[in-house]
Amino acid sequence: INAARLKLAKPEALVMHPGPMNRGLEIACDVAYGD
């Protein structure tokens, strides 16, 4: 899930992850720490 794919969801879609994260694998850094 990167910024481009996140745009496919609703603009106010909530991003969650149970942790621990593999940043750059299942989730991009800008998504993990985004608004």
PDB file of all heavy atoms in Angstrom:
ATOM      1  N   ILE A   1       0.846  -1.193   0.000  1.00  0.00           N
ATOM      2  CA  ILE A   1       0.000   0.000   0.000  1.00  0.00           C
ATOM      3  C   ILE A   1       0.880   1.241   0.000  1.00  0.00           C
ATOM      4  O   ILE A   1       1.549   1.561   0.986  1.00  0.00           O
ATOM      5  CB  ILE A   1      -0.945   0.005   1.220  1.00  0.00           C
ATOM      6  CG1 ILE A   1      -1.782  -1.271   1.233  1.00  0.00           C
ATOM      7  CG2 ILE A   1      -1.845   1.237   1.190  1.00  0.00           C
ATOM      8  CD1 ILE A   1      -2.602  -1.511  -0.025  1.00  0.00           C
ATOM      9  N   ASN A   2       0.863   1.921  -1.143  1.00  0.00           N
ATOM     10  CA  ASN A   2       1.602   3.169  -1.303  1.00  0.00           C
ATOM     11  C   ASN A   2       0.614   4.302  -1.537  1.00  0.00           C
ATOM     12  O   ASN A   2      -0.605   4.104  -1.554  1.00  0.00           O
ATOM     13  CB  ASN A   2       2.607   3.043  -2.458  1.00  0.00           C
ATOM     14  CG  ASN A   2       1.942   2.516  -3.732  1.00  0.00           C
ATOM     15  OD1 ASN A   2       0.792   2.850  -4.029  1.00  0.00           O
ATOM     16  ND2 ASN A   2       2.655   1.676  -4.484  1.00  0.00           N
ATOM     17  N   ALA A   3       1.139   5.510  -1.734  1.00  0.00           N
ATOM     18  CA  ALA A   3       0.267   6.680  -1.887  1.00  0.00           C
ATOM     19  C   ALA A   3      -0.655   6.554  -3.091  1.00  0.00           C
ATOM     20  O   ALA A   3      -1.827   6.954  -3.043  1.00  0.00           O
ATOM     21  CB  ALA A   3       1.120   7.941  -2.000  1.00  0.00           C
ATOM     22  N   ALA A   4      -0.155   5.990  -4.179  1.00  0.00           N
ATOM     23  CA  ALA A   4      -0.969   5.859  -5.393  1.00  0.00           C
ATOM     24  C   ALA A   4      -2.134   4.901  -5.149  1.00  0.00           C
ATOM     25  O   ALA A   4      -3.272   5.173  -5.553  1.00  0.00           O
ATOM     26  CB  ALA A   4      -0.097   5.362  -6.548  1.00  0.00           C
ATOM     27  N   ARG A   5      -1.869   3.787  -4.505  1.00  0.00           N
ATOM     28  CA  ARG A   5      -2.949   2.820  -4.236  1.00  0.00           C
ATOM     29  C   ARG A   5      -3.934   3.366  -3.203  1.00  0.00           C
ATOM     30  O   ARG A   5      -5.135   3.103  -3.281  1.00  0.00           O
ATOM     31  CB  ARG A   5      -2.365   1.490  -3.753  1.00  0.00           C
ATOM     32  CG  ARG A   5      -1.724   0.679  -4.871  1.00  0.00           C
ATOM     33  CD  ARG A   5      -1.652  -0.805  -4.525  1.00  0.00           C
ATOM     34  NE  ARG A   5      -1.239  -1.557  -5.692  1.00  0.00           N
ATOM     35  CZ  ARG A   5      -0.002  -2.046  -5.884  1.00  0.00           C
ATOM     36  NH1 ARG A   5       0.925  -1.850  -4.966  1.00  0.00           N
ATOM     37  NH2 ARG A   5       0.298  -2.712  -6.977  1.00  0.00           N
ATOM     38  N   LEU A   6      -3.434   4.118  -2.255  1.00  0.00           N
ATOM     39  CA  LEU A   6      -4.316   4.669  -1.232  1.00  0.00           C
ATOM     40  C   LEU A   6      -5.377   5.582  -1.855  1.00  0.00           C
ATOM     41  O   LEU A   6      -6.500   5.673  -1.348  1.00  0.00           O
ATOM     42  CB  LEU A   6      -3.494   5.438  -0.194  1.00  0.00           C
ATOM     43  CG  LEU A   6      -4.262   6.033   0.989  1.00  0.00           C
ATOM     44  CD1 LEU A   6      -5.040   4.957   1.736  1.00  0.00           C
ATOM     45  CD2 LEU A   6      -3.295   6.751   1.926  1.00  0.00           C
ATOM     46  N   LYS A   7      -5.043   6.231  -2.955  1.00  0.00           N
ATOM     47  CA  LYS A   7      -5.985   7.136  -3.629  1.00  0.00           C
ATOM     48  C   LYS A   7      -7.187   6.385  -4.210  1.00  0.00           C
ATOM     49  O   LYS A   7      -8.202   7.006  -4.533  1.00  0.00           O
ATOM     50  CB  LYS A   7      -5.276   7.905  -4.730  1.00  0.00           C
ATOM     51  CG  LYS A   7      -4.287   8.949  -4.206  1.00  0.00           C
ATOM     52  CD  LYS A   7      -3.594   9.675  -5.351  1.00  0.00           C
ATOM     53  CE  LYS A   7      -2.617  10.717  -4.809  1.00  0.00           C
ATOM     54  NZ  LYS A   7      -1.887  11.423  -5.904  1.00  0.00           N
ATOM     55  N   LEU A   8      -7.072   5.061  -4.358  1.00  0.00           N
ATOM     56  CA  LEU A   8      -8.201   4.275  -4.859  1.00  0.00           C
ATOM     57  C   LEU A   8      -9.311   4.175  -3.815  1.00  0.00           C
ATOM     58  O   LEU A   8     -10.475   3.971  -4.150  1.00  0.00           O
ATOM     59  CB  LEU A   8      -7.738   2.874  -5.257  1.00  0.00           C
ATOM     60  CG  LEU A   8      -6.727   2.795  -6.405  1.00  0.00           C
ATOM     61  CD1 LEU A   8      -6.209   1.368  -6.549  1.00  0.00           C
ATOM     62  CD2 LEU A   8      -7.353   3.270  -7.702  1.00  0.00           C
ATOM     63  N   ALA A   9      -8.928   4.287  -2.546  1.00  0.00           N
ATOM     64  CA  ALA A   9      -9.911   4.265  -1.466  1.00  0.00           C
ATOM     65  C   ALA A   9     -10.562   5.641  -1.350  1.00  0.00           C
ATOM     66  O   ALA A   9     -10.208   6.577  -2.081  1.00  0.00           O
ATOM     67  CB  ALA A   9      -9.228   3.891  -0.156  1.00  0.00           C
ATOM     68  N   LYS A  10     -11.501   5.779  -0.456  1.00  0.00           N
ATOM     69  CA  LYS A  10     -12.136   7.078  -0.239  1.00  0.00           C
ATOM     70  C   LYS A  10     -11.107   8.082   0.281  1.00  0.00           C
ATOM     71  O   LYS A  10     -10.149   7.695   0.970  1.00  0.00           O
ATOM     72  CB  LYS A  10     -13.302   6.945   0.736  1.00  0.00           C
ATOM     73  CG  LYS A  10     -14.494   6.199   0.157  1.00  0.00           C
ATOM     74  CD  LYS A  10     -15.641   6.155   1.141  1.00  0.00           C
ATOM     75  CE  LYS A  10     -16.853   5.430   0.543  1.00  0.00           C
ATOM     76  NZ  LYS A  10     -17.972   5.315   1.512  1.00  0.00           N
ATOM     77  N   PRO A  11     -11.281   9.367  -0.004  1.00  0.00           N
ATOM     78  CA  PRO A  11     -10.297  10.376   0.413  1.00  0.00           C
ATOM     79  C   PRO A  11     -10.028  10.379   1.920  1.00  0.00           C
ATOM     80  O   PRO A  11      -8.918  10.674   2.353  1.00  0.00           O
ATOM     81  CB  PRO A  11     -10.940  11.693  -0.038  1.00  0.00           C
ATOM     82  CG  PRO A  11     -11.851  11.311  -1.152  1.00  0.00           C
ATOM     83  CD  PRO A  11     -12.377   9.951  -0.797  1.00  0.00           C
ATOM     84  N   GLU A  12     -11.038  10.056   2.702  1.00  0.00           N
ATOM     85  CA  GLU A  12     -10.891  10.067   4.156  1.00  0.00           C
ATOM     86  C   GLU A  12     -10.679   8.663   4.726  1.00  0.00           C
ATOM     87  O   GLU A  12     -10.866   8.437   5.927  1.00  0.00           O
ATOM     88  CB  GLU A  12     -12.123  10.707   4.808  1.00  0.00           C
ATOM     89  CG  GLU A  12     -13.416   9.908   4.684  1.00  0.00           C
ATOM     90  CD  GLU A  12     -14.122  10.046   3.339  1.00  0.00           C
ATOM     91  OE1 GLU A  12     -13.556  10.668   2.419  1.00  0.00           O
ATOM     92  OE2 GLU A  12     -15.237   9.513   3.214  1.00  0.00           O
ATOM     93  N   ALA A  13     -10.275   7.722   3.888  1.00  0.00           N
ATOM     94  CA  ALA A  13     -10.083   6.335   4.338  1.00  0.00           C
ATOM     95  C   ALA A  13      -9.060   6.254   5.470  1.00  0.00           C
ATOM     96  O   ALA A  13      -8.040   6.946   5.463  1.00  0.00           O
ATOM     97  CB  ALA A  13      -9.638   5.462   3.171  1.00  0.00           C
ATOM     98  N   LEU A  14      -9.353   5.405   6.434  1.00  0.00           N
ATOM     99  CA  LEU A  14      -8.493   5.227   7.597  1.00  0.00           C
ATOM    100  C   LEU A  14      -7.485   4.117   7.325  1.00  0.00           C
ATOM    101  O   LEU A  14      -7.843   3.054   6.829  1.00  0.00           O
ATOM    102  CB  LEU A  14      -9.364   4.865   8.804  1.00  0.00           C
ATOM    103  CG  LEU A  14      -8.744   4.925  10.195  1.00  0.00           C
ATOM    104  CD1 LEU A  14      -8.357   6.356  10.540  1.00  0.00           C
ATOM    105  CD2 LEU A  14      -9.724   4.362  11.222  1.00  0.00           C
ATOM    106  N   VAL A  15      -6.219   4.368   7.661  1.00  0.00           N
ATOM    107  CA  VAL A  15      -5.155   3.377   7.465  1.00  0.00           C
ATOM    108  C   VAL A  15      -4.755   2.801   8.814  1.00  0.00           C
ATOM    109  O   VAL A  15      -4.410   3.533   9.748  1.00  0.00           O
ATOM    110  CB  VAL A  15      -3.929   4.013   6.785  1.00  0.00           C
ATOM    111  CG1 VAL A  15      -2.775   3.010   6.722  1.00  0.00           C
ATOM    112  CG2 VAL A  15      -4.287   4.499   5.387  1.00  0.00           C
ATOM    113  N   MET A  16      -4.795   1.470   8.909  1.00  0.00           N
ATOM    114  CA  MET A  16      -4.454   0.789  10.152  1.00  0.00           C
ATOM    115  C   MET A  16      -3.452  -0.330   9.891  1.00  0.00           C
ATOM    116  O   MET A  16      -3.348  -0.835   8.780  1.00  0.00           O
ATOM    117  CB  MET A  16      -5.735   0.231  10.801  1.00  0.00           C
ATOM    118  CG  MET A  16      -6.788   1.282  11.101  1.00  0.00           C
ATOM    119  SD  MET A  16      -8.382   0.584  11.585  1.00  0.00           S
ATOM    120  CE  MET A  16      -7.947  -0.170  13.148  1.00  0.00           C
ATOM    121  N   HIS A  17      -2.736  -0.709  10.944  1.00  0.00           N
ATOM    122  CA  HIS A  17      -1.757  -1.801  10.871  1.00  0.00           C
ATOM    123  C   HIS A  17      -1.547  -2.311  12.284  1.00  0.00           C
ATOM    124  O   HIS A  17      -1.296  -1.527  13.196  1.00  0.00           O
ATOM    125  CB  HIS A  17      -0.442  -1.291  10.281  1.00  0.00           C
ATOM    126  CG  HIS A  17       0.522  -2.371   9.884  1.00  0.00           C
ATOM    127  ND1 HIS A  17       1.013  -3.306  10.775  1.00  0.00           N
ATOM    128  CD2 HIS A  17       1.103  -2.664   8.679  1.00  0.00           C
ATOM    129  CE1 HIS A  17       1.846  -4.124  10.132  1.00  0.00           C
ATOM    130  NE2 HIS A  17       1.915  -3.762   8.875  1.00  0.00           N
ATOM    131  N   PRO A  18      -1.648  -3.632  12.508  1.00  0.00           N
ATOM    132  CA  PRO A  18      -1.501  -4.159  13.871  1.00  0.00           C
ATOM    133  C   PRO A  18      -0.076  -4.125  14.399  1.00  0.00           C
ATOM    134  O   PRO A  18       0.147  -4.303  15.603  1.00  0.00           O
ATOM    135  CB  PRO A  18      -2.014  -5.596  13.743  1.00  0.00           C
ATOM    136  CG  PRO A  18      -1.757  -5.951  12.311  1.00  0.00           C
ATOM    137  CD  PRO A  18      -1.987  -4.685  11.538  1.00  0.00           C
ATOM    138  N   GLY A  19       0.912  -3.919  13.508  1.00  0.00           N
ATOM    139  CA  GLY A  19       2.303  -3.873  13.933  1.00  0.00           C
ATOM    140  C   GLY A  19       2.840  -5.266  14.295  1.00  0.00           C
ATOM    141  O   GLY A  19       2.058  -6.174  14.600  1.00  0.00           O
ATOM    142  N   PRO A  20       4.142  -5.428  14.247  1.00  0.00           N
ATOM    143  CA  PRO A  20       5.112  -4.451  13.770  1.00  0.00           C
ATOM    144  C   PRO A  20       5.078  -4.325  12.244  1.00  0.00           C
ATOM    145  O   PRO A  20       4.677  -5.262  11.552  1.00  0.00           O
ATOM    146  CB  PRO A  20       6.457  -5.029  14.231  1.00  0.00           C
ATOM    147  CG  PRO A  20       6.209  -6.516  14.279  1.00  0.00           C
ATOM    148  CD  PRO A  20       4.783  -6.685  14.715  1.00  0.00           C
ATOM    149  N   MET A  21       5.458  -3.152  11.736  1.00  0.00           N
ATOM    150  CA  MET A  21       5.387  -2.888  10.299  1.00  0.00           C
ATOM    151  C   MET A  21       6.684  -3.265   9.599  1.00  0.00           C
ATOM    152  O   MET A  21       7.778  -3.075  10.137  1.00  0.00           O
ATOM    153  CB  MET A  21       5.131  -1.400  10.049  1.00  0.00           C
ATOM    154  CG  MET A  21       3.776  -0.898  10.470  1.00  0.00           C
ATOM    155  SD  MET A  21       3.565   0.843   9.998  1.00  0.00           S
ATOM    156  CE  MET A  21       4.675   1.668  11.147  1.00  0.00           C
ATOM    157  N   ASN A  22       6.554  -3.748   8.377  1.00  0.00           N
ATOM    158  CA  ASN A  22       7.679  -3.877   7.455  1.00  0.00           C
ATOM    159  C   ASN A  22       7.554  -2.715   6.473  1.00  0.00           C
ATOM    160  O   ASN A  22       6.910  -2.827   5.429  1.00  0.00           O
ATOM    161  CB  ASN A  22       7.632  -5.204   6.692  1.00  0.00           C
ATOM    162  CG  ASN A  22       7.885  -6.396   7.590  1.00  0.00           C
ATOM    163  OD1 ASN A  22       8.886  -6.458   8.276  1.00  0.00           O
ATOM    164  ND2 ASN A  22       6.959  -7.338   7.596  1.00  0.00           N
ATOM    165  N   ARG A  23       8.109  -1.580   6.826  1.00  0.00           N
ATOM    166  CA  ARG A  23       7.990  -0.406   5.970  1.00  0.00           C
ATOM    167  C   ARG A  23       8.693  -0.647   4.642  1.00  0.00           C
ATOM    168  O   ARG A  23       9.793  -1.183   4.594  1.00  0.00           O
ATOM    169  CB  ARG A  23       8.593   0.820   6.660  1.00  0.00           C
ATOM    170  CG  ARG A  23       7.809   1.274   7.882  1.00  0.00           C
ATOM    171  CD  ARG A  23       8.491   2.409   8.584  1.00  0.00           C
ATOM    172  NE  ARG A  23       9.812   2.016   9.073  1.00  0.00           N
ATOM    173  CZ  ARG A  23      10.714   2.874   9.570  1.00  0.00           C
ATOM    174  NH1 ARG A  23      10.443   4.149   9.622  1.00  0.00           N
ATOM    175  NH2 ARG A  23      11.883   2.443   9.991  1.00  0.00           N
ATOM    176  N   GLY A  24       8.000  -0.263   3.575  1.00  0.00           N
ATOM    177  CA  GLY A  24       8.540  -0.485   2.243  1.00  0.00           C
ATOM    178  C   GLY A  24       8.163  -1.835   1.671  1.00  0.00           C
ATOM    179  O   GLY A  24       8.439  -2.113   0.501  1.00  0.00           O
ATOM    180  N   LEU A  25       7.539  -2.682   2.476  1.00  0.00           N
ATOM    181  CA  LEU A  25       7.082  -3.987   1.995  1.00  0.00           C
ATOM    182  C   LEU A  25       5.560  -3.966   1.873  1.00  0.00           C
ATOM    183  O   LEU A  25       5.024  -3.730   0.797  1.00  0.00           O
ATOM    184  CB  LEU A  25       7.546  -5.105   2.918  1.00  0.00           C
ATOM    185  CG  LEU A  25       7.120  -6.530   2.540  1.00  0.00           C
ATOM    186  CD1 LEU A  25       7.521  -6.879   1.114  1.00  0.00           C
ATOM    187  CD2 LEU A  25       7.701  -7.537   3.533  1.00  0.00           C
ATOM    188  N   GLU A  26       4.852  -4.164   2.990  1.00  0.00           N
ATOM    189  CA  GLU A  26       3.385  -4.125   2.900  1.00  0.00           C
ATOM    190  C   GLU A  26       2.822  -2.710   2.991  1.00  0.00           C
ATOM    191  O   GLU A  26       1.684  -2.462   2.615  1.00  0.00           O
ATOM    192  CB  GLU A  26       2.740  -5.010   3.976  1.00  0.00           C
ATOM    193  CG  GLU A  26       2.855  -4.468   5.391  1.00  0.00           C
ATOM    194  CD  GLU A  26       3.996  -5.068   6.169  1.00  0.00           C
ATOM    195  OE1 GLU A  26       4.798  -5.796   5.569  1.00  0.00           O
ATOM    196  OE2 GLU A  26       4.062  -4.817   7.384  1.00  0.00           O
ATOM    197  N   ILE A  27       3.642  -1.769   3.487  1.00  0.00           N
ATOM    198  CA  ILE A  27       3.164  -0.391   3.635  1.00  0.00           C
ATOM    199  C   ILE A  27       4.311   0.581   3.389  1.00  0.00           C
ATOM    200  O   ILE A  27       5.428   0.387   3.881  1.00  0.00           O
ATOM    201  CB  ILE A  27       2.548  -0.179   5.033  1.00  0.00           C
ATOM    202  CG1 ILE A  27       1.905   1.202   5.149  1.00  0.00           C
ATOM    203  CG2 ILE A  27       3.558  -0.428   6.143  1.00  0.00           C
ATOM    204  CD1 ILE A  27       1.057   1.376   6.400  1.00  0.00           C
ATOM    205  N   ALA A  28       4.043   1.610   2.604  1.00  0.00           N
ATOM    206  CA  ALA A  28       5.055   2.631   2.316  1.00  0.00           C
ATOM    207  C   ALA A  28       5.170   3.590   3.493  1.00  0.00           C
ATOM    208  O   ALA A  28       4.206   3.809   4.240  1.00  0.00           O
ATOM    209  CB  ALA A  28       4.680   3.393   1.052  1.00  0.00           C
ATOM    210  N   CYS A  29       6.336   4.197   3.644  1.00  0.00           N
ATOM    211  CA  CYS A  29       6.577   5.104   4.771  1.00  0.00           C
ATOM    212  C   CYS A  29       5.601   6.275   4.777  1.00  0.00           C
ATOM    213  O   CYS A  29       5.084   6.661   5.834  1.00  0.00           O
ATOM    214  CB  CYS A  29       8.013   5.619   4.730  1.00  0.00           C
ATOM    215  SG  CYS A  29       9.254   4.363   5.111  1.00  0.00           S
ATOM    216  N   ASP A  30       5.342   6.855   3.598  1.00  0.00           N
ATOM    217  CA  ASP A  30       4.470   8.028   3.561  1.00  0.00           C
ATOM    218  C   ASP A  30       3.031   7.677   3.907  1.00  0.00           C
ATOM    219  O   ASP A  30       2.269   8.533   4.373  1.00  0.00           O
ATOM    220  CB  ASP A  30       4.550   8.737   2.201  1.00  0.00           C
ATOM    221  CG  ASP A  30       4.284   7.810   1.027  1.00  0.00           C
ATOM    222  OD1 ASP A  30       4.169   6.589   1.233  1.00  0.00           O
ATOM    223  OD2 ASP A  30       4.206   8.314  -0.112  1.00  0.00           O
ATOM    224  N   VAL A  31       2.648   6.429   3.708  1.00  0.00           N
ATOM    225  CA  VAL A  31       1.307   5.978   4.105  1.00  0.00           C
ATOM    226  C   VAL A  31       1.276   5.701   5.610  1.00  0.00           C
ATOM    227  O   VAL A  31       0.339   6.088   6.310  1.00  0.00           O
ATOM    228  CB  VAL A  31       0.886   4.720   3.321  1.00  0.00           C
ATOM    229  CG1 VAL A  31      -0.440   4.171   3.839  1.00  0.00           C
ATOM    230  CG2 VAL A  31       0.784   5.045   1.837  1.00  0.00           C
ATOM    231  N   ALA A  32       2.316   5.054   6.110  1.00  0.00           N
ATOM    232  CA  ALA A  32       2.375   4.699   7.534  1.00  0.00           C
ATOM    233  C   ALA A  32       2.347   5.927   8.428  1.00  0.00           C
ATOM    234  O   ALA A  32       1.768   5.893   9.523  1.00  0.00           O
ATOM    235  CB  ALA A  32       3.624   3.869   7.811  1.00  0.00           C
ATOM    236  N   TYR A  33       2.964   7.011   7.968  1.00  0.00           N
ATOM    237  CA  TYR A  33       3.060   8.212   8.787  1.00  0.00           C
ATOM    238  C   TYR A  33       2.238   9.371   8.230  1.00  0.00           C
ATOM    239  O   TYR A  33       2.404  10.512   8.645  1.00  0.00           O
ATOM    240  CB  TYR A  33       4.525   8.629   8.934  1.00  0.00           C
ATOM    241  CG  TYR A  33       5.388   7.529   9.505  1.00  0.00           C
ATOM    242  CD1 TYR A  33       6.409   6.951   8.753  1.00  0.00           C
ATOM    243  CD2 TYR A  33       5.174   7.049  10.794  1.00  0.00           C
ATOM    244  CE1 TYR A  33       7.190   5.929   9.269  1.00  0.00           C
ATOM    245  CE2 TYR A  33       5.952   6.027  11.321  1.00  0.00           C
ATOM    246  CZ  TYR A  33       6.958   5.477  10.551  1.00  0.00           C
ATOM    247  OH  TYR A  33       7.720   4.457  11.067  1.00  0.00           O
ATOM    248  N   GLY A  34       1.345   9.062   7.301  1.00  0.00           N
ATOM    249  CA  GLY A  34       0.535  10.095   6.679  1.00  0.00           C
ATOM    250  C   GLY A  34      -0.642  10.531   7.539  1.00  0.00           C
ATOM    251  O   GLY A  34      -0.907   9.975   8.612  1.00  0.00           O
ATOM    252  N   ASP A  35      -1.363  11.519   7.045  1.00  0.00           N
ATOM    253  CA  ASP A  35      -2.492  12.084   7.799  1.00  0.00           C
ATOM    254  C   ASP A  35      -3.623  11.090   8.002  1.00  0.00           C
ATOM    255  O   ASP A  35      -4.414  11.233   8.942  1.00  0.00           O
ATOM    256  CB  ASP A  35      -3.035  13.317   7.066  1.00  0.00           C
ATOM    257  CG  ASP A  35      -2.041  14.472   7.040  1.00  0.00           C
ATOM    258  OD1 ASP A  35      -1.147  14.488   7.920  1.00  0.00           O
ATOM    259  OD2 ASP A  35      -2.150  15.335   6.157  1.00  0.00           O
TER     260      ASP A  35
END
